[in-house]
Amino acid sequence: MAHNEAVDVVLVGAGIMSATLAVLLKELDPAIKLEVVELMDSGAAESSNPWNNAGTGHAGLCELNYTPQAADGAVDIKKAVHINTQFEVSKQFWSYLTKKGTFGSCKSFISPVPHLSFVQGDSGVSFLKERFKVLSKHHAFADMEYTEDKATMAEWMPLMMPGRDPGETLAATRVINGTDVNFGALTNQLLKHLTSAPDAQVKYCKRVTGLKRSNGGWTVSIKDVNSGNTREVDAKFVFLGAGGAALPLLQASGIEESKGFGGFPISGQWLRCDNPEVVKHHQAKVYSQAAVGSPPMSVPHLDTRVVDGKKSLLFGPYAGFTTKFLKHGSFMDLPLSVRAGNIGPMLAVAKNNMDLTKYLVSEVMQSMEQRLESLRRFYPEAKAEDWRLEVAGQRVQIIKKDPKKGGILQFGTELVAAKDGSLAALLGASPGASVTVSIMLELIEKCFPSKAKGEWAGKLAEIFPAREKVLETDAALYRKISTQNNVALELVEASSETESYA
């Protein structure tokens, strides 16, 4: 009887999550044998594709939904601080790889772009002022600037100020050292780096058709979509990092921890401008407040994007709805994901989120003219002929059991791991890509606990001199690590001041 192929690790999906985890595992244990399997014919073809996500290096600098305001006016900055330090952990990993010399240039995937928050009206201004007051006291946000002066705003965002009512109440904050990240280019650079090592393969046009437990690990059935041939691979550990397709695969695994999870797919659309005369007047990512009653992923923003060295502008996102879990998926994805174990939570979410349903219907029904009206809140003189609609990626928001409500809709990311650490899946959406490295470190600590504390500890400390918790509290160390990262990633010029940190 023919034996199955055997590897240490199978990673499903060739996006930013699997690429990061695979490279990290290979750095920690060069002898590890791993295989990445991808349904499409290239890496980063779904959520990691640069046109399928906002490309913001999420660091809590401008995203107003990360700093909720309580009824008494107090602004909670915990989430913004946490995401900021998680992004610094990502930058440490990229810096480490860049310094190795074999990884390639960081300029292909990360660019310096200022991050701005922009608000209109008295309540918006009082919120932003309070947010600035609280955030700027924290060392991670010490460089933030605040203004209500329209001449200053015209310098910060020259595209957005002409054509406004001179009496309009406005305010903005700015952090110069924000970033634009091409997660597609980063993913493909990671995959290229991975495959230059022995015993690391990336196989395209492969669909995972089965997962069953065997000998303390898993037998993974993999079908070639071109030839139809199926092979079986035995793996000690399986990672499901397949974006929207991770949920059905997690369900197929049958692990106890997968029970009760459902998914609600939401698609995105952007208005895109490639006219160089317009693009040159906007060098920033400008985030504002979501309309009342709309979900957090609808926070409008006007972004500078740098893809393959070329600048464009994106405005959005506008939500859409299809029953597909992937952009290249099937309309049967949502109906086929319904199980006895998750139908309760899914129905509870449907009942408790009628406002979300109404919002999605209204977004889907919008005309181009209505979309341009939203854009003109940001850029009053926008001309229709400069903008076209770009369909972004699919995001599957997680539905999980809740003892009080029956089911809740979650807008973050969730790591689901088998009790024995032999399988893990990543579910959910934003700020996913920006904080991938932190999530993958959490996975390593959860699924390989003895190695993380033992034989891998030294290498982890070398790659990550400072993790999130210490970066949140140690101002001097935060400044040192952040400066080192920014110099290594060529986000700032090395000066005599930065040399002392580098």
Protein backbone atom coordinates (compact mmCIF):
# COMPACT_ATOMS: atom_id res chain seq x y z
CA MET A 1 0.00 0.00 0.00
CA ALA A 2 1.37 3.40 -1.03
CA HIS A 3 2.21 5.72 1.85
CA ASN A 4 0.93 9.29 1.91
CA GLU A 5 3.45 12.10 1.59
CA ALA A 6 4.40 13.42 5.03
CA VAL A 7 5.21 17.00 6.05
CA ASP A 8 5.38 18.82 9.35
CA VAL A 9 3.01 21.62 8.37
CA VAL A 10 0.34 22.21 5.71
CA LEU A 11 -0.85 25.81 5.29
CA VAL A 12 -4.04 26.37 3.31
CA GLY A 13 -4.16 29.65 1.36
CA ALA A 14 -1.24 31.67 -0.02
CA GLY A 15 -2.19 35.03 1.48
CA ILE A 16 -0.45 37.25 4.02
CA MET A 17 -1.37 35.01 7.00
CA SER A 18 0.01 31.70 5.66
CA ALA A 19 3.04 33.40 4.07
CA THR A 20 3.92 35.09 7.39
CA LEU A 21 3.43 31.94 9.48
CA ALA A 22 5.40 29.76 7.04
CA VAL A 23 8.40 32.15 6.94
CA LEU A 24 8.30 32.57 10.73
CA LEU A 25 8.25 28.79 11.32
CA LYS A 26 11.12 28.33 8.87
CA GLU A 27 13.17 31.00 10.70
CA LEU A 28 12.50 29.28 14.04
CA ASP A 29 13.25 25.78 12.72
CA PRO A 30 15.13 25.65 9.39
CA ALA A 31 14.63 21.86 9.26
CA ILE A 32 10.82 22.07 9.32
CA LYS A 33 9.12 20.61 6.24
CA LEU A 34 6.11 22.58 5.05
CA GLU A 35 3.76 23.00 2.12
CA VAL A 36 1.47 25.92 1.25
CA VAL A 37 -1.52 25.01 -0.96
CA GLU A 38 -3.45 27.69 -2.85
CA LEU A 39 -6.59 27.42 -4.96
CA MET A 40 -5.70 30.29 -7.30
CA ASP A 41 -2.77 30.29 -9.74
CA SER A 42 -0.75 32.86 -7.75
CA GLY A 43 -0.19 34.14 -4.22
CA ALA A 44 -2.16 37.03 -2.68
CA ALA A 45 -5.02 36.62 -5.16
CA GLU A 46 -7.85 37.27 -2.67
CA SER A 47 -7.87 39.52 0.45
CA SER A 48 -4.12 40.23 0.28
CA ASN A 49 -4.33 41.61 -3.27
CA PRO A 50 -3.54 45.36 -3.06
CA TRP A 51 -6.84 46.37 -4.71
CA ASN A 52 -8.85 44.13 -2.37
CA ASN A 53 -7.93 45.96 0.87
CA ALA A 54 -7.31 49.50 2.08
CA GLY A 55 -3.53 49.09 2.20
CA THR A 56 -3.40 51.08 5.43
CA GLY A 57 -0.68 50.08 7.84
CA HIS A 58 -3.23 50.04 10.67
CA ALA A 59 -1.58 51.60 13.70
CA GLY A 60 -4.54 53.35 15.35
CA LEU A 61 -3.25 56.73 14.16
CA CYS A 62 -6.30 57.78 12.15
CA GLU A 63 -9.02 55.10 12.47
CA LEU A 64 -11.68 56.72 14.63
CA ASN A 65 -13.56 53.46 15.25
CA TYR A 66 -10.58 52.21 17.30
CA THR A 67 -11.22 54.95 19.90
CA PRO A 68 -14.89 54.68 20.91
CA GLN A 69 -16.49 57.48 22.91
CA ALA A 70 -18.65 56.68 25.94
CA ALA A 71 -21.90 58.48 26.73
CA ASP A 72 -20.05 60.72 29.24
CA GLY A 73 -17.65 61.88 26.50
CA ALA A 74 -14.64 59.81 27.65
CA VAL A 75 -12.59 58.33 24.79
CA ASP A 76 -11.21 54.79 25.24
CA ILE A 77 -7.79 54.43 23.56
CA LYS A 78 -6.95 50.83 24.63
CA LYS A 79 -7.68 49.29 21.21
CA ALA A 80 -5.75 51.99 19.31
CA VAL A 81 -2.68 51.54 21.56
CA HIS A 82 -2.84 47.75 21.20
CA ILE A 83 -3.12 47.87 17.40
CA ASN A 84 -0.30 50.42 17.25
CA THR A 85 2.08 48.16 19.19
CA GLN A 86 0.98 45.12 17.16
CA PHE A 87 1.93 47.01 13.99
CA GLU A 88 5.35 47.75 15.52
CA VAL A 89 5.73 43.97 16.03
CA SER A 90 4.94 43.46 12.32
CA LYS A 91 7.55 46.09 11.45
CA GLN A 92 10.13 44.28 13.61
CA PHE A 93 9.62 41.10 11.57
CA TRP A 94 9.87 42.91 8.23
CA SER A 95 12.97 44.80 9.47
CA TYR A 96 14.60 41.53 10.56
CA LEU A 97 13.97 39.97 7.12
CA THR A 98 15.15 43.10 5.28
CA LYS A 99 18.41 43.14 7.28
CA LYS A 100 19.08 39.52 6.29
CA GLY A 101 19.82 40.78 2.79
CA THR A 102 18.19 37.84 0.98
CA PHE A 103 14.62 39.08 1.42
CA GLY A 104 14.67 41.91 -1.11
CA SER A 105 13.71 45.56 -0.89
CA CYS A 106 11.17 46.86 1.62
CA LYS A 107 10.39 49.74 -0.78
CA SER A 108 8.33 47.35 -2.91
CA PHE A 109 5.70 46.92 -0.18
CA ILE A 110 5.82 49.76 2.38
CA SER A 111 5.74 53.53 1.78
CA PRO A 112 5.54 56.50 4.15
CA VAL A 113 2.11 58.16 3.92
CA PRO A 114 0.75 60.55 6.60
CA HIS A 115 -2.35 59.36 8.48
CA LEU A 116 -5.08 61.98 9.11
CA SER A 117 -8.41 61.99 10.91
CA PHE A 118 -10.94 64.51 9.60
CA VAL A 119 -14.27 65.47 11.21
CA GLN A 120 -17.15 67.83 10.45
CA GLY A 121 -19.66 69.51 12.76
CA ASP A 122 -19.55 70.44 16.45
CA SER A 123 -19.94 66.94 17.86
CA GLY A 124 -17.24 65.58 15.51
CA VAL A 125 -14.85 68.35 16.52
CA SER A 126 -15.42 67.86 20.26
CA PHE A 127 -14.84 64.09 19.85
CA LEU A 128 -11.61 64.58 17.85
CA LYS A 129 -10.33 67.17 20.34
CA GLU A 130 -10.92 64.78 23.26
CA ARG A 131 -9.39 61.87 21.30
CA PHE A 132 -6.30 63.95 20.56
CA LYS A 133 -6.01 65.06 24.20
CA VAL A 134 -6.02 61.46 25.48
CA LEU A 135 -4.00 59.84 22.67
CA SER A 136 -1.21 62.43 22.47
CA LYS A 137 -0.34 61.77 26.13
CA HIS A 138 0.63 58.20 25.16
CA HIS A 139 4.17 57.76 23.81
CA ALA A 140 2.94 55.83 20.73
CA PHE A 141 0.99 58.93 19.64
CA ALA A 142 3.31 61.68 20.88
CA ASP A 143 3.87 62.97 17.31
CA MET A 144 0.18 63.59 16.63
CA GLU A 145 -0.81 67.15 15.62
CA TYR A 146 -4.29 68.71 15.96
CA THR A 147 -5.80 71.67 14.13
CA GLU A 148 -9.06 73.52 13.58
CA ASP A 149 -7.27 76.03 11.36
CA LYS A 150 -8.41 75.81 7.74
CA ALA A 151 -5.13 77.15 6.31
CA THR A 152 -3.25 74.35 8.11
CA MET A 153 -5.77 71.81 6.81
CA ALA A 154 -5.25 73.16 3.29
CA GLU A 155 -1.54 72.34 3.68
CA TRP A 156 -2.25 68.87 5.10
CA MET A 157 -4.94 67.90 2.56
CA PRO A 158 -4.92 70.37 -0.35
CA LEU A 159 -7.37 68.32 -2.44
CA MET A 160 -10.04 68.37 0.25
CA MET A 161 -10.35 72.04 1.19
CA PRO A 162 -11.32 74.01 -1.98
CA GLY A 163 -15.05 74.38 -2.60
CA ARG A 164 -16.12 74.16 1.06
CA ASP A 165 -18.57 76.45 2.87
CA PRO A 166 -16.24 78.89 4.70
CA GLY A 167 -18.47 78.63 7.80
CA GLU A 168 -18.17 74.83 8.05
CA THR A 169 -16.86 73.53 11.41
CA LEU A 170 -13.91 71.21 10.79
CA ALA A 171 -10.97 69.66 12.63
CA ALA A 172 -8.18 67.27 11.75
CA THR A 173 -5.30 65.38 13.33
CA ARG A 174 -2.18 64.26 11.52
CA VAL A 175 0.64 61.81 12.16
CA ILE A 176 3.41 62.16 9.58
CA ASN A 177 4.89 58.69 10.04
CA GLY A 178 1.93 56.60 8.85
CA THR A 179 2.31 53.98 6.13
CA ASP A 180 0.74 52.53 3.00
CA VAL A 181 1.37 48.78 2.71
CA ASN A 182 1.00 46.72 -0.45
CA PHE A 183 0.11 43.44 1.26
CA GLY A 184 0.07 41.65 -2.10
CA ALA A 185 3.69 42.58 -2.85
CA LEU A 186 4.68 41.71 0.74
CA THR A 187 2.93 38.32 0.52
CA ASN A 188 4.63 37.42 -2.75
CA GLN A 189 8.01 38.55 -1.41
CA LEU A 190 7.49 36.32 1.67
CA LEU A 191 6.50 33.36 -0.54
CA LYS A 192 9.54 33.86 -2.79
CA HIS A 193 11.79 34.03 0.27
CA LEU A 194 10.13 30.90 1.68
CA THR A 195 10.64 28.79 -1.43
CA SER A 196 14.33 29.68 -1.60
CA ALA A 197 14.72 27.49 1.53
CA PRO A 198 14.83 23.68 1.39
CA ASP A 199 11.70 21.64 2.25
CA ALA A 200 9.34 24.57 1.68
CA GLN A 201 6.93 24.41 -1.24
CA VAL A 202 4.05 26.56 -2.48
CA LYS A 203 1.63 24.71 -4.74
CA TYR A 204 -0.98 26.60 -6.78
CA CYS A 205 -4.30 25.50 -8.36
CA LYS A 206 -4.87 23.09 -5.46
CA ARG A 207 -8.14 22.69 -3.56
CA VAL A 208 -8.32 21.07 -0.11
CA THR A 209 -11.21 18.58 -0.35
CA GLY A 210 -10.85 16.73 2.96
CA LEU A 211 -9.38 16.92 6.47
CA LYS A 212 -9.34 13.92 8.75
CA ARG A 213 -7.47 13.13 11.92
CA SER A 214 -4.66 10.59 11.77
CA ASN A 215 -1.77 9.64 14.12
CA GLY A 216 -2.08 12.77 16.25
CA GLY A 217 -2.07 14.96 13.13
CA TRP A 218 -4.16 15.29 9.98
CA THR A 219 -4.51 13.68 6.57
CA VAL A 220 -5.21 16.47 4.07
CA SER A 221 -6.83 15.57 0.72
CA ILE A 222 -5.62 17.95 -2.01
CA LYS A 223 -7.13 18.06 -5.49
CA ASP A 224 -5.38 19.56 -8.52
CA VAL A 225 -8.02 21.83 -10.12
CA ASN A 226 -6.52 21.39 -13.60
CA SER A 227 -5.98 17.63 -13.77
CA GLY A 228 -8.57 16.53 -11.19
CA ASN A 229 -5.98 14.28 -9.50
CA THR A 230 -6.12 14.00 -5.71
CA ARG A 231 -3.26 13.30 -3.33
CA GLU A 232 -3.17 12.78 0.42
CA VAL A 233 -0.65 14.51 2.64
CA ASP A 234 -0.06 13.66 6.31
CA ALA A 235 0.73 16.72 8.43
CA LYS A 236 1.49 17.16 12.12
CA PHE A 237 -0.03 20.65 12.01
CA VAL A 238 -2.55 22.32 9.67
CA PHE A 239 -3.18 26.06 9.37
CA LEU A 240 -6.35 27.27 7.68
CA GLY A 241 -5.44 30.77 6.49
CA ALA A 242 -7.70 30.81 3.46
CA GLY A 243 -9.62 34.06 4.11
CA GLY A 244 -13.34 33.47 3.64
CA ALA A 245 -12.72 29.79 2.80
CA ALA A 246 -11.26 29.14 6.28
CA LEU A 247 -14.73 28.77 7.85
CA PRO A 248 -15.98 25.87 5.66
CA LEU A 249 -12.59 24.12 6.09
CA LEU A 250 -12.74 24.62 9.86
CA GLN A 251 -16.25 23.12 9.83
CA ALA A 252 -14.94 20.19 7.73
CA SER A 253 -12.28 19.47 10.36
CA GLY A 254 -15.04 18.70 12.89
CA ILE A 255 -12.95 19.95 15.84
CA GLU A 256 -14.97 20.74 18.94
CA GLU A 257 -13.78 24.37 18.92
CA SER A 258 -15.38 24.98 15.50
CA LYS A 259 -18.94 24.42 16.75
CA GLY A 260 -21.27 27.39 16.68
CA PHE A 261 -19.21 29.58 14.33
CA GLY A 262 -20.98 31.05 11.33
CA GLY A 263 -19.99 33.62 8.73
CA PHE A 264 -21.63 36.66 7.17
CA PRO A 265 -19.98 37.71 3.89
CA ILE A 266 -19.65 41.40 3.07
CA SER A 267 -18.04 42.61 -0.12
CA GLY A 268 -16.45 45.99 -0.65
CA GLN A 269 -16.20 48.52 -3.44
CA TRP A 270 -14.00 51.58 -3.91
CA LEU A 271 -13.97 54.62 -6.11
CA ARG A 272 -10.53 54.75 -7.74
CA CYS A 273 -8.76 57.65 -9.38
CA ASP A 274 -5.61 57.29 -11.50
CA ASN A 275 -5.58 60.83 -12.95
CA PRO A 276 -2.06 62.09 -12.07
CA GLU A 277 -3.29 65.73 -11.94
CA VAL A 278 -5.67 64.81 -9.10
CA VAL A 279 -3.45 62.20 -7.42
CA LYS A 280 -0.50 64.58 -6.97
CA HIS A 281 -2.58 66.89 -4.71
CA HIS A 282 -3.30 64.24 -2.08
CA GLN A 283 -0.53 62.54 -0.11
CA ALA A 284 -2.32 61.05 2.90
CA LYS A 285 -4.75 58.51 4.25
CA VAL A 286 -7.67 60.53 5.60
CA TYR A 287 -10.23 58.70 7.77
CA SER A 288 -13.49 60.16 9.03
CA GLN A 289 -16.47 58.98 11.09
CA ALA A 290 -18.92 56.35 9.90
CA ALA A 291 -22.47 57.59 9.31
CA VAL A 292 -24.77 57.05 12.31
CA GLY A 293 -26.06 53.46 12.41
CA SER A 294 -23.52 52.09 9.93
CA PRO A 295 -21.06 49.33 10.90
CA PRO A 296 -17.39 49.94 11.75
CA MET A 297 -16.07 48.58 8.45
CA SER A 298 -17.90 51.42 6.66
CA VAL A 299 -15.62 54.18 8.05
CA PRO A 300 -15.06 56.38 4.96
CA HIS A 301 -11.51 57.25 3.93
CA LEU A 302 -9.68 58.89 1.04
CA ASP A 303 -6.35 57.16 0.54
CA THR A 304 -3.11 57.54 -1.28
CA ARG A 305 -2.27 54.04 -2.58
CA VAL A 306 1.12 52.99 -3.88
CA VAL A 307 0.87 49.82 -5.98
CA ASP A 308 3.86 48.65 -8.04
CA GLY A 309 5.47 52.06 -7.65
CA LYS A 310 2.46 53.92 -9.06
CA LYS A 311 0.23 56.24 -7.03
CA SER A 312 -3.59 56.19 -7.15
CA LEU A 313 -6.37 57.43 -4.90
CA LEU A 314 -9.07 55.22 -3.39
CA PHE A 315 -12.23 56.38 -1.67
CA GLY A 316 -14.65 54.17 0.21
CA PRO A 317 -15.38 51.55 1.18
CA TYR A 318 -18.90 51.00 -0.05
CA ALA A 319 -20.31 47.75 1.25
CA GLY A 320 -21.83 45.14 -1.00
CA PHE A 321 -23.41 41.77 -0.42
CA THR A 322 -23.07 38.41 -2.11
CA THR A 323 -23.32 34.91 -0.65
CA LYS A 324 -19.75 34.12 -1.77
CA PHE A 325 -17.05 33.69 0.90
CA LEU A 326 -14.27 34.57 -1.57
CA LYS A 327 -14.18 36.98 -4.49
CA HIS A 328 -13.59 33.93 -6.72
CA GLY A 329 -15.92 31.75 -4.61
CA SER A 330 -19.33 30.17 -5.12
CA PHE A 331 -22.80 31.66 -4.47
CA MET A 332 -23.45 28.47 -2.46
CA ASP A 333 -20.75 29.33 0.13
CA LEU A 334 -23.12 30.95 2.63
CA PRO A 335 -26.01 28.41 2.38
CA LEU A 336 -23.58 25.48 2.60
CA SER A 337 -21.98 26.91 5.76
CA VAL A 338 -25.24 26.66 7.72
CA ARG A 339 -25.11 23.79 10.26
CA ALA A 340 -27.28 22.57 13.13
CA GLY A 341 -24.64 23.99 15.49
CA ASN A 342 -24.58 27.53 14.07
CA ILE A 343 -28.11 28.15 12.79
CA GLY A 344 -29.16 29.52 16.22
CA PRO A 345 -26.39 32.12 16.42
CA MET A 346 -26.89 33.04 12.73
CA LEU A 347 -30.64 33.61 13.17
CA ALA A 348 -30.03 35.62 16.37
CA VAL A 349 -27.56 37.84 14.50
CA ALA A 350 -30.04 38.30 11.63
CA LYS A 351 -32.75 39.37 14.11
CA ASN A 352 -30.48 41.70 16.14
CA ASN A 353 -28.78 43.35 13.16
CA MET A 354 -31.66 44.61 11.05
CA ASP A 355 -29.92 48.01 10.83
CA LEU A 356 -26.89 46.31 9.24
CA THR A 357 -29.15 44.54 6.75
CA LYS A 358 -30.85 47.83 5.84
CA TYR A 359 -27.44 49.51 5.54
CA LEU A 360 -26.17 46.80 3.17
CA VAL A 361 -29.30 46.97 1.02
CA SER A 362 -29.01 50.77 0.76
CA GLU A 363 -25.28 50.49 -0.11
CA VAL A 364 -25.91 47.88 -2.81
CA MET A 365 -28.71 49.99 -4.33
CA GLN A 366 -26.56 53.17 -4.54
CA SER A 367 -26.11 54.84 -7.92
CA MET A 368 -22.72 56.16 -9.07
CA GLU A 369 -24.02 59.69 -8.42
CA GLN A 370 -24.85 58.79 -4.78
CA ARG A 371 -21.37 57.32 -4.33
CA LEU A 372 -19.84 60.52 -5.70
CA GLU A 373 -21.94 62.53 -3.22
CA SER A 374 -20.24 60.64 -0.34
CA LEU A 375 -16.86 61.37 -1.94
CA ARG A 376 -17.70 65.09 -2.19
CA ARG A 377 -18.05 65.27 1.61
CA PHE A 378 -14.28 64.70 1.51
CA TYR A 379 -13.39 66.23 -1.83
CA PRO A 380 -16.02 68.83 -2.79
CA GLU A 381 -14.68 69.42 -6.32
CA ALA A 382 -14.51 65.73 -7.36
CA LYS A 383 -15.39 65.18 -11.03
CA ALA A 384 -17.23 62.01 -12.07
CA GLU A 385 -14.94 61.35 -15.05
CA ASP A 386 -11.86 60.99 -12.79
CA TRP A 387 -13.31 58.11 -10.75
CA ARG A 388 -14.32 54.53 -11.50
CA LEU A 389 -15.76 51.75 -9.36
CA GLU A 390 -13.34 49.02 -8.27
CA VAL A 391 -14.69 45.83 -6.66
CA ALA A 392 -12.65 44.94 -3.58
CA GLY A 393 -12.28 41.65 -1.74
CA GLN A 394 -14.79 39.60 0.23
CA ARG A 395 -14.67 39.64 4.02
CA VAL A 396 -16.47 37.04 6.10
CA GLN A 397 -17.48 38.62 9.39
CA ILE A 398 -17.61 36.05 12.19
CA ILE A 399 -20.81 34.99 13.87
CA LYS A 400 -20.27 33.26 17.20
CA LYS A 401 -22.40 31.92 20.02
CA ASP A 402 -23.26 34.31 22.80
CA PRO A 403 -24.91 33.18 26.06
CA LYS A 404 -27.04 36.35 26.34
CA LYS A 405 -27.94 37.21 22.73
CA GLY A 406 -27.77 33.74 21.17
CA GLY A 407 -25.27 34.97 18.59
CA ILE A 408 -23.12 38.02 17.96
CA LEU A 409 -21.54 39.46 14.83
CA GLN A 410 -17.84 40.18 15.34
CA PHE A 411 -15.88 42.68 13.29
CA GLY A 412 -12.35 41.63 14.28
CA THR A 413 -10.19 38.58 13.72
CA GLU A 414 -10.46 35.34 15.69
CA LEU A 415 -7.91 32.56 16.04
CA VAL A 416 -9.60 29.18 16.55
CA ALA A 417 -7.29 26.31 17.55
CA ALA A 418 -7.84 22.64 18.34
CA LYS A 419 -7.24 21.72 21.99
CA ASP A 420 -4.24 19.54 21.05
CA GLY A 421 -2.69 22.34 18.96
CA SER A 422 -2.71 20.25 15.76
CA LEU A 423 -4.94 22.62 13.74
CA ALA A 424 -5.68 26.35 13.78
CA ALA A 425 -7.84 28.63 11.64
CA LEU A 426 -7.98 32.37 11.28
CA LEU A 427 -11.45 33.86 10.85
CA GLY A 428 -12.58 37.44 10.36
CA ALA A 429 -11.48 40.72 8.85
CA SER A 430 -9.83 44.08 9.71
CA PRO A 431 -7.25 44.99 10.98
CA GLY A 432 -6.04 41.49 9.97
CA ALA A 433 -3.16 42.05 7.55
CA SER A 434 -1.47 44.85 9.55
CA VAL A 435 -1.34 42.76 12.73
CA THR A 436 -0.66 39.39 11.05
CA VAL A 437 2.67 38.92 12.79
CA SER A 438 1.16 39.33 16.28
CA ILE A 439 -1.64 36.92 15.41
CA MET A 440 0.84 34.34 14.10
CA LEU A 441 2.98 34.72 17.25
CA GLU A 442 -0.17 34.09 19.30
CA LEU A 443 -0.79 30.97 17.16
CA ILE A 444 2.78 29.72 17.74
CA GLU A 445 2.40 30.22 21.51
CA LYS A 446 -0.98 28.44 21.46
CA CYS A 447 -0.12 25.50 19.18
CA PHE A 448 3.63 25.03 19.88
CA PRO A 449 3.81 26.14 23.54
CA SER A 450 6.79 24.05 24.68
CA LYS A 451 8.89 25.00 21.62
CA ALA A 452 7.97 28.70 21.93
CA LYS A 453 9.17 28.69 25.55
CA GLY A 454 12.10 26.35 24.89
CA GLU A 455 14.16 25.79 21.75
CA TRP A 456 12.58 28.68 19.79
CA ALA A 457 12.75 31.26 22.59
CA GLY A 458 16.21 32.61 21.68
CA LYS A 459 15.35 33.11 18.01
CA LEU A 460 12.01 34.74 18.89
CA ALA A 461 13.85 37.20 21.17
CA GLU A 462 16.33 37.96 18.35
CA ILE A 463 13.57 38.67 15.80
CA PHE A 464 11.30 40.48 18.28
CA PRO A 465 13.36 42.47 20.80
CA ALA A 466 10.13 43.99 22.20
CA ARG A 467 6.60 42.58 22.13
CA GLU A 468 3.29 44.48 22.46
CA LYS A 469 2.90 44.60 26.26
CA VAL A 470 6.30 46.17 26.91
CA LEU A 471 5.93 48.55 23.94
CA GLU A 472 2.64 49.77 25.42
CA THR A 473 4.29 50.75 28.71
CA ASP A 474 8.00 51.52 28.05
CA ALA A 475 8.23 54.87 26.22
CA ALA A 476 12.03 54.88 25.72
CA LEU A 477 12.06 51.32 24.38
CA TYR A 478 9.10 52.07 22.10
CA ARG A 479 10.93 55.06 20.58
CA LYS A 480 14.12 53.03 20.12
CA ILE A 481 12.40 50.04 18.45
CA SER A 482 10.12 52.21 16.31
CA THR A 483 13.06 54.30 15.07
CA GLN A 484 15.13 51.21 14.28
CA ASN A 485 12.20 49.76 12.30
CA ASN A 486 11.60 53.00 10.39
CA VAL A 487 15.27 53.26 9.41
CA ALA A 488 15.51 49.58 8.40
CA LEU A 489 12.32 49.82 6.33
CA GLU A 490 13.55 53.09 4.72
CA LEU A 491 10.51 54.98 5.99
CA VAL A 492 12.77 57.73 7.31
CA GLU A 493 16.24 58.90 6.36
CA ALA A 494 18.89 57.82 8.85
CA SER A 495 20.10 60.99 10.64
CA SER A 496 22.52 61.57 13.49
CA GLU A 497 19.53 61.40 15.82
CA THR A 498 18.28 58.08 14.42
CA GLU A 499 21.83 56.67 14.09
CA SER A 500 22.06 56.39 17.87
CA TYR A 501 19.06 54.03 17.78
CA ALA A 502 20.00 52.10 14.64
